[in-house]
Amino acid sequence: VDPNNISTAFYELQDPAGQLKAYMEDALRSAI
């Protein structure tokens, strides 16, 4: 979590780990 954006991290995403995983999978599917 960015120490300067703690409130954004709390209020913006319901499932940060799930969102991060989805972005990683998408980026890998684009690169490989």
PDB file of all heavy atoms in Angstrom:
ATOM      1  N   VAL A   1       0.861  -1.176   0.000  1.00  0.00           N
ATOM      2  CA  VAL A   1       0.000   0.000   0.000  1.00  0.00           C
ATOM      3  C   VAL A   1       0.899   1.228   0.000  1.00  0.00           C
ATOM      4  O   VAL A   1       1.863   1.304   0.758  1.00  0.00           O
ATOM      5  CB  VAL A   1      -0.924   0.009   1.245  1.00  0.00           C
ATOM      6  CG1 VAL A   1      -1.700   1.310   1.337  1.00  0.00           C
ATOM      7  CG2 VAL A   1      -1.876  -1.172   1.218  1.00  0.00           C
ATOM      8  N   ASP A   2       0.594   2.185  -0.867  1.00  0.00           N
ATOM      9  CA  ASP A   2       1.336   3.441  -0.927  1.00  0.00           C
ATOM     10  C   ASP A   2       1.005   4.247   0.332  1.00  0.00           C
ATOM     11  O   ASP A   2      -0.164   4.565   0.569  1.00  0.00           O
ATOM     12  CB  ASP A   2       0.937   4.221  -2.182  1.00  0.00           C
ATOM     13  CG  ASP A   2       1.688   5.518  -2.348  1.00  0.00           C
ATOM     14  OD1 ASP A   2       2.478   5.889  -1.450  1.00  0.00           O
ATOM     15  OD2 ASP A   2       1.485   6.175  -3.383  1.00  0.00           O
ATOM     16  N   PRO A   3       1.996   4.578   1.158  1.00  0.00           N
ATOM     17  CA  PRO A   3       1.710   5.314   2.406  1.00  0.00           C
ATOM     18  C   PRO A   3       1.016   6.655   2.181  1.00  0.00           C
ATOM     19  O   PRO A   3       0.338   7.150   3.070  1.00  0.00           O
ATOM     20  CB  PRO A   3       3.102   5.515   3.030  1.00  0.00           C
ATOM     21  CG  PRO A   3       3.963   4.487   2.419  1.00  0.00           C
ATOM     22  CD  PRO A   3       3.411   4.233   1.041  1.00  0.00           C
ATOM     23  N   ASN A   4       1.165   7.229   0.989  1.00  0.00           N
ATOM     24  CA  ASN A   4       0.511   8.504   0.694  1.00  0.00           C
ATOM     25  C   ASN A   4      -0.915   8.334   0.184  1.00  0.00           C
ATOM     26  O   ASN A   4      -1.630   9.319   0.040  1.00  0.00           O
ATOM     27  CB  ASN A   4       1.327   9.286  -0.347  1.00  0.00           C
ATOM     28  CG  ASN A   4       2.706   9.606   0.161  1.00  0.00           C
ATOM     29  OD1 ASN A   4       2.894   9.945   1.324  1.00  0.00           O
ATOM     30  ND2 ASN A   4       3.696   9.467  -0.700  1.00  0.00           N
ATOM     31  N   ASN A   5      -1.316   7.101  -0.107  1.00  0.00           N
ATOM     32  CA  ASN A   5      -2.651   6.842  -0.661  1.00  0.00           C
ATOM     33  C   ASN A   5      -3.382   5.738   0.092  1.00  0.00           C
ATOM     34  O   ASN A   5      -4.053   4.909  -0.510  1.00  0.00           O
ATOM     35  CB  ASN A   5      -2.544   6.471  -2.144  1.00  0.00           C
ATOM     36  CG  ASN A   5      -2.126   7.638  -2.988  1.00  0.00           C
ATOM     37  OD1 ASN A   5      -2.633   8.737  -2.829  1.00  0.00           O
ATOM     38  ND2 ASN A   5      -1.182   7.404  -3.882  1.00  0.00           N
ATOM     39  N   ILE A   6      -3.262   5.732   1.397  1.00  0.00           N
ATOM     40  CA  ILE A   6      -3.892   4.686   2.208  1.00  0.00           C
ATOM     41  C   ILE A   6      -5.405   4.724   2.060  1.00  0.00           C
ATOM     42  O   ILE A   6      -6.055   3.688   1.918  1.00  0.00           O
ATOM     43  CB  ILE A   6      -3.466   4.817   3.686  1.00  0.00           C
ATOM     44  CG1 ILE A   6      -1.973   4.518   3.814  1.00  0.00           C
ATOM     45  CG2 ILE A   6      -4.278   3.892   4.575  1.00  0.00           C
ATOM     46  CD1 ILE A   6      -1.393   4.789   5.186  1.00  0.00           C
ATOM     47  N   SER A   7      -5.985   5.907   2.064  1.00  0.00           N
ATOM     48  CA  SER A   7      -7.447   5.996   1.957  1.00  0.00           C
ATOM     49  C   SER A   7      -7.916   5.507   0.586  1.00  0.00           C
ATOM     50  O   SER A   7      -8.938   4.825   0.487  1.00  0.00           O
ATOM     51  CB  SER A   7      -7.919   7.422   2.210  1.00  0.00           C
ATOM     52  OG  SER A   7      -7.383   8.313   1.256  1.00  0.00           O
ATOM     53  N   THR A   8      -7.177   5.817  -0.465  1.00  0.00           N
ATOM     54  CA  THR A   8      -7.532   5.339  -1.808  1.00  0.00           C
ATOM     55  C   THR A   8      -7.471   3.815  -1.846  1.00  0.00           C
ATOM     56  O   THR A   8      -8.368   3.165  -2.394  1.00  0.00           O
ATOM     57  CB  THR A   8      -6.569   5.925  -2.857  1.00  0.00           C
ATOM     58  OG1 THR A   8      -6.613   7.344  -2.775  1.00  0.00           O
ATOM     59  CG2 THR A   8      -6.938   5.483  -4.261  1.00  0.00           C
ATOM     60  N   ALA A   9      -6.427   3.232  -1.257  1.00  0.00           N
ATOM     61  CA  ALA A   9      -6.281   1.776  -1.239  1.00  0.00           C
ATOM     62  C   ALA A   9      -7.440   1.115  -0.498  1.00  0.00           C
ATOM     63  O   ALA A   9      -7.896   0.039  -0.889  1.00  0.00           O
ATOM     64  CB  ALA A   9      -4.956   1.386  -0.591  1.00  0.00           C
ATOM     65  N   PHE A  10      -7.936   1.764   0.543  1.00  0.00           N
ATOM     66  CA  PHE A  10      -9.030   1.179   1.320  1.00  0.00           C
ATOM     67  C   PHE A  10     -10.377   1.341   0.619  1.00  0.00           C
ATOM     68  O   PHE A  10     -11.165   0.405   0.550  1.00  0.00           O
ATOM     69  CB  PHE A  10      -9.090   1.812   2.717  1.00  0.00           C
ATOM     70  CG  PHE A  10     -10.281   1.370   3.519  1.00  0.00           C
ATOM     71  CD1 PHE A  10     -10.460   0.040   3.859  1.00  0.00           C
ATOM     72  CD2 PHE A  10     -11.226   2.290   3.942  1.00  0.00           C
ATOM     73  CE1 PHE A  10     -11.554  -0.364   4.605  1.00  0.00           C
ATOM     74  CE2 PHE A  10     -12.315   1.889   4.680  1.00  0.00           C
ATOM     75  CZ  PHE A  10     -12.487   0.561   5.013  1.00  0.00           C
ATOM     76  N   TYR A  11     -10.646   2.516   0.076  1.00  0.00           N
ATOM     77  CA  TYR A  11     -11.970   2.803  -0.449  1.00  0.00           C
ATOM     78  C   TYR A  11     -12.174   2.410  -1.910  1.00  0.00           C
ATOM     79  O   TYR A  11     -13.306   2.242  -2.346  1.00  0.00           O
ATOM     80  CB  TYR A  11     -12.301   4.291  -0.278  1.00  0.00           C
ATOM     81  CG  TYR A  11     -12.570   4.670   1.152  1.00  0.00           C
ATOM     82  CD1 TYR A  11     -11.656   5.425   1.874  1.00  0.00           C
ATOM     83  CD2 TYR A  11     -13.732   4.272   1.789  1.00  0.00           C
ATOM     84  CE1 TYR A  11     -11.893   5.773   3.184  1.00  0.00           C
ATOM     85  CE2 TYR A  11     -13.977   4.607   3.104  1.00  0.00           C
ATOM     86  CZ  TYR A  11     -13.054   5.359   3.797  1.00  0.00           C
ATOM     87  OH  TYR A  11     -13.293   5.692   5.109  1.00  0.00           O
ATOM     88  N   GLU A  12     -11.120   2.266  -2.710  1.00  0.00           N
ATOM     89  CA  GLU A  12     -11.292   2.048  -4.140  1.00  0.00           C
ATOM     90  C   GLU A  12     -11.505   0.581  -4.528  1.00  0.00           C
ATOM     91  O   GLU A  12     -12.309   0.301  -5.402  1.00  0.00           O
ATOM     92  CB  GLU A  12     -10.086   2.595  -4.909  1.00  0.00           C
ATOM     93  CG  GLU A  12     -10.020   4.098  -4.924  1.00  0.00           C
ATOM     94  CD  GLU A  12     -11.136   4.756  -5.708  1.00  0.00           C
ATOM     95  OE1 GLU A  12     -11.501   4.250  -6.785  1.00  0.00           O
ATOM     96  OE2 GLU A  12     -11.663   5.765  -5.233  1.00  0.00           O
ATOM     97  N   LEU A  13     -10.759  -0.340  -3.932  1.00  0.00           N
ATOM     98  CA  LEU A  13     -10.837  -1.739  -4.351  1.00  0.00           C
ATOM     99  C   LEU A  13     -11.438  -2.617  -3.266  1.00  0.00           C
ATOM    100  O   LEU A  13     -11.037  -2.550  -2.105  1.00  0.00           O
ATOM    101  CB  LEU A  13      -9.443  -2.282  -4.688  1.00  0.00           C
ATOM    102  CG  LEU A  13      -8.811  -1.811  -5.988  1.00  0.00           C
ATOM    103  CD1 LEU A  13      -7.444  -2.457  -6.161  1.00  0.00           C
ATOM    104  CD2 LEU A  13      -9.684  -2.115  -7.172  1.00  0.00           C
ATOM    105  N   GLN A  14     -12.367  -3.475  -3.666  1.00  0.00           N
ATOM    106  CA  GLN A  14     -12.953  -4.444  -2.744  1.00  0.00           C
ATOM    107  C   GLN A  14     -11.979  -5.604  -2.504  1.00  0.00           C
ATOM    108  O   GLN A  14     -11.839  -6.076  -1.392  1.00  0.00           O
ATOM    109  CB  GLN A  14     -14.272  -4.980  -3.333  1.00  0.00           C
ATOM    110  CG  GLN A  14     -14.947  -6.025  -2.481  1.00  0.00           C
ATOM    111  CD  GLN A  14     -15.552  -5.449  -1.224  1.00  0.00           C
ATOM    112  OE1 GLN A  14     -15.940  -4.289  -1.194  1.00  0.00           O
ATOM    113  NE2 GLN A  14     -15.645  -6.239  -0.185  1.00  0.00           N
ATOM    114  N   ASP A  15     -11.313  -6.054  -3.580  1.00  0.00           N
ATOM    115  CA  ASP A  15     -10.414  -7.206  -3.510  1.00  0.00           C
ATOM    116  C   ASP A  15      -9.093  -6.867  -4.208  1.00  0.00           C
ATOM    117  O   ASP A  15      -8.902  -7.213  -5.377  1.00  0.00           O
ATOM    118  CB  ASP A  15     -11.083  -8.416  -4.171  1.00  0.00           C
ATOM    119  CG  ASP A  15     -10.233  -9.666  -4.132  1.00  0.00           C
ATOM    120  OD1 ASP A  15      -9.267  -9.718  -3.344  1.00  0.00           O
ATOM    121  OD2 ASP A  15     -10.529 -10.598  -4.902  1.00  0.00           O
ATOM    122  N   PRO A  16      -8.174  -6.169  -3.523  1.00  0.00           N
ATOM    123  CA  PRO A  16      -6.918  -5.772  -4.168  1.00  0.00           C
ATOM    124  C   PRO A  16      -6.099  -6.952  -4.688  1.00  0.00           C
ATOM    125  O   PRO A  16      -5.529  -6.875  -5.780  1.00  0.00           O
ATOM    126  CB  PRO A  16      -6.158  -5.031  -3.075  1.00  0.00           C
ATOM    127  CG  PRO A  16      -7.141  -4.732  -2.014  1.00  0.00           C
ATOM    128  CD  PRO A  16      -8.267  -5.691  -2.158  1.00  0.00           C
ATOM    129  N   ALA A  17      -6.047  -8.040  -3.945  1.00  0.00           N
ATOM    130  CA  ALA A  17      -5.264  -9.198  -4.377  1.00  0.00           C
ATOM    131  C   ALA A  17      -5.855  -9.802  -5.653  1.00  0.00           C
ATOM    132  O   ALA A  17      -5.121 -10.161  -6.572  1.00  0.00           O
ATOM    133  CB  ALA A  17      -5.199 -10.245  -3.267  1.00  0.00           C
ATOM    134  N   GLY A  18      -7.155  -9.889  -5.723  1.00  0.00           N
ATOM    135  CA  GLY A  18      -7.805 -10.407  -6.920  1.00  0.00           C
ATOM    136  C   GLY A  18      -7.570  -9.511  -8.127  1.00  0.00           C
ATOM    137  O   GLY A  18      -7.343  -9.993  -9.248  1.00  0.00           O
ATOM    138  N   GLN A  19      -7.619  -8.195  -7.914  1.00  0.00           N
ATOM    139  CA  GLN A  19      -7.380  -7.252  -9.006  1.00  0.00           C
ATOM    140  C   GLN A  19      -5.930  -7.340  -9.485  1.00  0.00           C
ATOM    141  O   GLN A  19      -5.665  -7.341 -10.679  1.00  0.00           O
ATOM    142  CB  GLN A  19      -7.695  -5.829  -8.553  1.00  0.00           C
ATOM    143  CG  GLN A  19      -7.703  -4.827  -9.664  1.00  0.00           C
ATOM    144  CD  GLN A  19      -8.871  -5.046 -10.608  1.00  0.00           C
ATOM    145  OE1 GLN A  19      -9.981  -5.302 -10.181  1.00  0.00           O
ATOM    146  NE2 GLN A  19      -8.603  -4.960 -11.890  1.00  0.00           N
ATOM    147  N   LEU A  20      -5.003  -7.432  -8.543  1.00  0.00           N
ATOM    148  CA  LEU A  20      -3.589  -7.548  -8.890  1.00  0.00           C
ATOM    149  C   LEU A  20      -3.337  -8.823  -9.695  1.00  0.00           C
ATOM    150  O   LEU A  20      -2.623  -8.813 -10.699  1.00  0.00           O
ATOM    151  CB  LEU A  20      -2.735  -7.525  -7.629  1.00  0.00           C
ATOM    152  CG  LEU A  20      -1.235  -7.666  -7.811  1.00  0.00           C
ATOM    153  CD1 LEU A  20      -0.673  -6.473  -8.562  1.00  0.00           C
ATOM    154  CD2 LEU A  20      -0.551  -7.805  -6.471  1.00  0.00           C
ATOM    155  N   LYS A  21      -3.942  -9.911  -9.264  1.00  0.00           N
ATOM    156  CA  LYS A  21      -3.789 -11.178  -9.980  1.00  0.00           C
ATOM    157  C   LYS A  21      -4.335 -11.068 -11.400  1.00  0.00           C
ATOM    158  O   LYS A  21      -3.702 -11.534 -12.357  1.00  0.00           O
ATOM    159  CB  LYS A  21      -4.514 -12.295  -9.219  1.00  0.00           C
ATOM    160  CG  LYS A  21      -4.378 -13.642  -9.869  1.00  0.00           C
ATOM    161  CD  LYS A  21      -5.083 -14.714  -9.065  1.00  0.00           C
ATOM    162  CE  LYS A  21      -4.944 -16.047  -9.782  1.00  0.00           C
ATOM    163  NZ  LYS A  21      -5.720 -17.089  -9.150  1.00  0.00           N
ATOM    164  N   ALA A  22      -5.487 -10.445 -11.557  1.00  0.00           N
ATOM    165  CA  ALA A  22      -6.081 -10.292 -12.889  1.00  0.00           C
ATOM    166  C   ALA A  22      -5.183  -9.455 -13.799  1.00  0.00           C
ATOM    167  O   ALA A  22      -4.980  -9.795 -14.975  1.00  0.00           O
ATOM    168  CB  ALA A  22      -7.463  -9.660 -12.779  1.00  0.00           C
ATOM    169  N   TYR A  23      -4.631  -8.362 -13.279  1.00  0.00           N
ATOM    170  CA  TYR A  23      -3.721  -7.528 -14.080  1.00  0.00           C
ATOM    171  C   TYR A  23      -2.454  -8.296 -14.461  1.00  0.00           C
ATOM    172  O   TYR A  23      -1.957  -8.178 -15.580  1.00  0.00           O
ATOM    173  CB  TYR A  23      -3.338  -6.257 -13.327  1.00  0.00           C
ATOM    174  CG  TYR A  23      -4.381  -5.165 -13.362  1.00  0.00           C
ATOM    175  CD1 TYR A  23      -4.729  -4.489 -12.213  1.00  0.00           C
ATOM    176  CD2 TYR A  23      -5.006  -4.791 -14.550  1.00  0.00           C
ATOM    177  CE1 TYR A  23      -5.679  -3.475 -12.238  1.00  0.00           C
ATOM    178  CE2 TYR A  23      -5.951  -3.783 -14.589  1.00  0.00           C
ATOM    179  CZ  TYR A  23      -6.284  -3.130 -13.426  1.00  0.00           C
ATOM    180  OH  TYR A  23      -7.225  -2.129 -13.458  1.00  0.00           O
ATOM    181  N   MET A  24      -1.930  -9.086 -13.528  1.00  0.00           N
ATOM    182  CA  MET A  24      -0.720  -9.871 -13.822  1.00  0.00           C
ATOM    183  C   MET A  24      -0.991 -10.911 -14.903  1.00  0.00           C
ATOM    184  O   MET A  24      -0.200 -11.077 -15.830  1.00  0.00           O
ATOM    185  CB  MET A  24      -0.201 -10.557 -12.557  1.00  0.00           C
ATOM    186  CG  MET A  24       0.513  -9.622 -11.620  1.00  0.00           C
ATOM    187  SD  MET A  24       1.236 -10.502 -10.245  1.00  0.00           S
ATOM    188  CE  MET A  24       2.400 -11.560 -11.061  1.00  0.00           C
ATOM    189  N   GLU A  25      -2.104 -11.628 -14.773  1.00  0.00           N
ATOM    190  CA  GLU A  25      -2.441 -12.629 -15.775  1.00  0.00           C
ATOM    191  C   GLU A  25      -2.618 -11.992 -17.147  1.00  0.00           C
ATOM    192  O   GLU A  25      -2.160 -12.530 -18.162  1.00  0.00           O
ATOM    193  CB  GLU A  25      -3.706 -13.389 -15.361  1.00  0.00           C
ATOM    194  CG  GLU A  25      -3.488 -14.318 -14.193  1.00  0.00           C
ATOM    195  CD  GLU A  25      -4.763 -14.950 -13.677  1.00  0.00           C
ATOM    196  OE1 GLU A  25      -5.876 -14.506 -14.070  1.00  0.00           O
ATOM    197  OE2 GLU A  25      -4.663 -15.889 -12.867  1.00  0.00           O
ATOM    198  N   ASP A  26      -3.276 -10.843 -17.193  1.00  0.00           N
ATOM    199  CA  ASP A  26      -3.488 -10.150 -18.461  1.00  0.00           C
ATOM    200  C   ASP A  26      -2.158  -9.728 -19.091  1.00  0.00           C
ATOM    201  O   ASP A  26      -1.938  -9.913 -20.290  1.00  0.00           O
ATOM    202  CB  ASP A  26      -4.392  -8.935 -18.245  1.00  0.00           C
ATOM    203  CG  ASP A  26      -4.714  -8.226 -19.541  1.00  0.00           C
ATOM    204  OD1 ASP A  26      -5.257  -8.882 -20.458  1.00  0.00           O
ATOM    205  OD2 ASP A  26      -4.408  -7.023 -19.643  1.00  0.00           O
ATOM    206  N   ALA A  27      -1.274  -9.178 -18.277  1.00  0.00           N
ATOM    207  CA  ALA A  27       0.024  -8.732 -18.789  1.00  0.00           C
ATOM    208  C   ALA A  27       0.859  -9.917 -19.278  1.00  0.00           C
ATOM    209  O   ALA A  27       1.526  -9.823 -20.314  1.00  0.00           O
ATOM    210  CB  ALA A  27       0.784  -7.964 -17.707  1.00  0.00           C
ATOM    211  N   LEU A  28       0.814 -11.029 -18.562  1.00  0.00           N
ATOM    212  CA  LEU A  28       1.559 -12.220 -18.993  1.00  0.00           C
ATOM    213  C   LEU A  28       0.974 -12.801 -20.278  1.00  0.00           C
ATOM    214  O   LEU A  28       1.708 -13.205 -21.174  1.00  0.00           O
ATOM    215  CB  LEU A  28       1.563 -13.277 -17.889  1.00  0.00           C
ATOM    216  CG  LEU A  28       2.463 -12.983 -16.691  1.00  0.00           C
ATOM    217  CD1 LEU A  28       2.164 -13.931 -15.552  1.00  0.00           C
ATOM    218  CD2 LEU A  28       3.924 -13.065 -17.101  1.00  0.00           C
ATOM    219  N   ARG A  29      -0.359 -12.827 -20.384  1.00  0.00           N
ATOM    220  CA  ARG A  29      -1.000 -13.332 -21.601  1.00  0.00           C
ATOM    221  C   ARG A  29      -0.690 -12.450 -22.808  1.00  0.00           C
ATOM    222  O   ARG A  29      -0.747 -12.900 -23.941  1.00  0.00           O
ATOM    223  CB  ARG A  29      -2.511 -13.425 -21.407  1.00  0.00           C
ATOM    224  CG  ARG A  29      -2.943 -14.662 -20.692  1.00  0.00           C
ATOM    225  CD  ARG A  29      -4.437 -14.906 -20.822  1.00  0.00           C
ATOM    226  NE  ARG A  29      -4.830 -15.931 -19.892  1.00  0.00           N
ATOM    227  CZ  ARG A  29      -5.442 -15.711 -18.731  1.00  0.00           C
ATOM    228  NH1 ARG A  29      -5.746 -14.482 -18.373  1.00  0.00           N
ATOM    229  NH2 ARG A  29      -5.755 -16.702 -17.942  1.00  0.00           N
ATOM    230  N   SER A  30      -0.393 -11.191 -22.572  1.00  0.00           N
ATOM    231  CA  SER A  30      -0.020 -10.296 -23.670  1.00  0.00           C
ATOM    232  C   SER A  30       1.439 -10.469 -24.076  1.00  0.00           C
ATOM    233  O   SER A  30       1.770 -10.342 -25.259  1.00  0.00           O
ATOM    234  CB  SER A  30      -0.243  -8.839 -23.262  1.00  0.00           C
ATOM    235  OG  SER A  30      -1.597  -8.599 -23.016  1.00  0.00           O
ATOM    236  N   ALA A  31       2.302 -10.752 -23.128  1.00  0.00           N
ATOM    237  CA  ALA A  31       3.742 -10.797 -23.397  1.00  0.00           C
ATOM    238  C   ALA A  31       4.206 -12.128 -23.978  1.00  0.00           C
ATOM    239  O   ALA A  31       4.967 -12.151 -24.953  1.00  0.00           O
ATOM    240  CB  ALA A  31       4.521 -10.493 -22.124  1.00  0.00           C
ATOM    241  N   ILE A  32       3.767 -13.231 -23.428  1.00  0.00           N
ATOM    242  CA  ILE A  32       4.306 -14.551 -23.786  1.00  0.00           C
ATOM    243  C   ILE A  32       3.936 -14.991 -25.206  1.00  0.00           C
ATOM    244  O   ILE A  32       4.800 -15.493 -25.929  1.00  0.00           O
ATOM    245  CB  ILE A  32       3.891 -15.617 -22.747  1.00  0.00           C
ATOM    246  CG1 ILE A  32       4.414 -15.251 -21.361  1.00  0.00           C
ATOM    247  CG2 ILE A  32       4.363 -16.998 -23.154  1.00  0.00           C
ATOM    248  CD1 ILE A  32       5.912 -15.150 -21.251  1.00  0.00           C
TER     249      ILE A  32
END
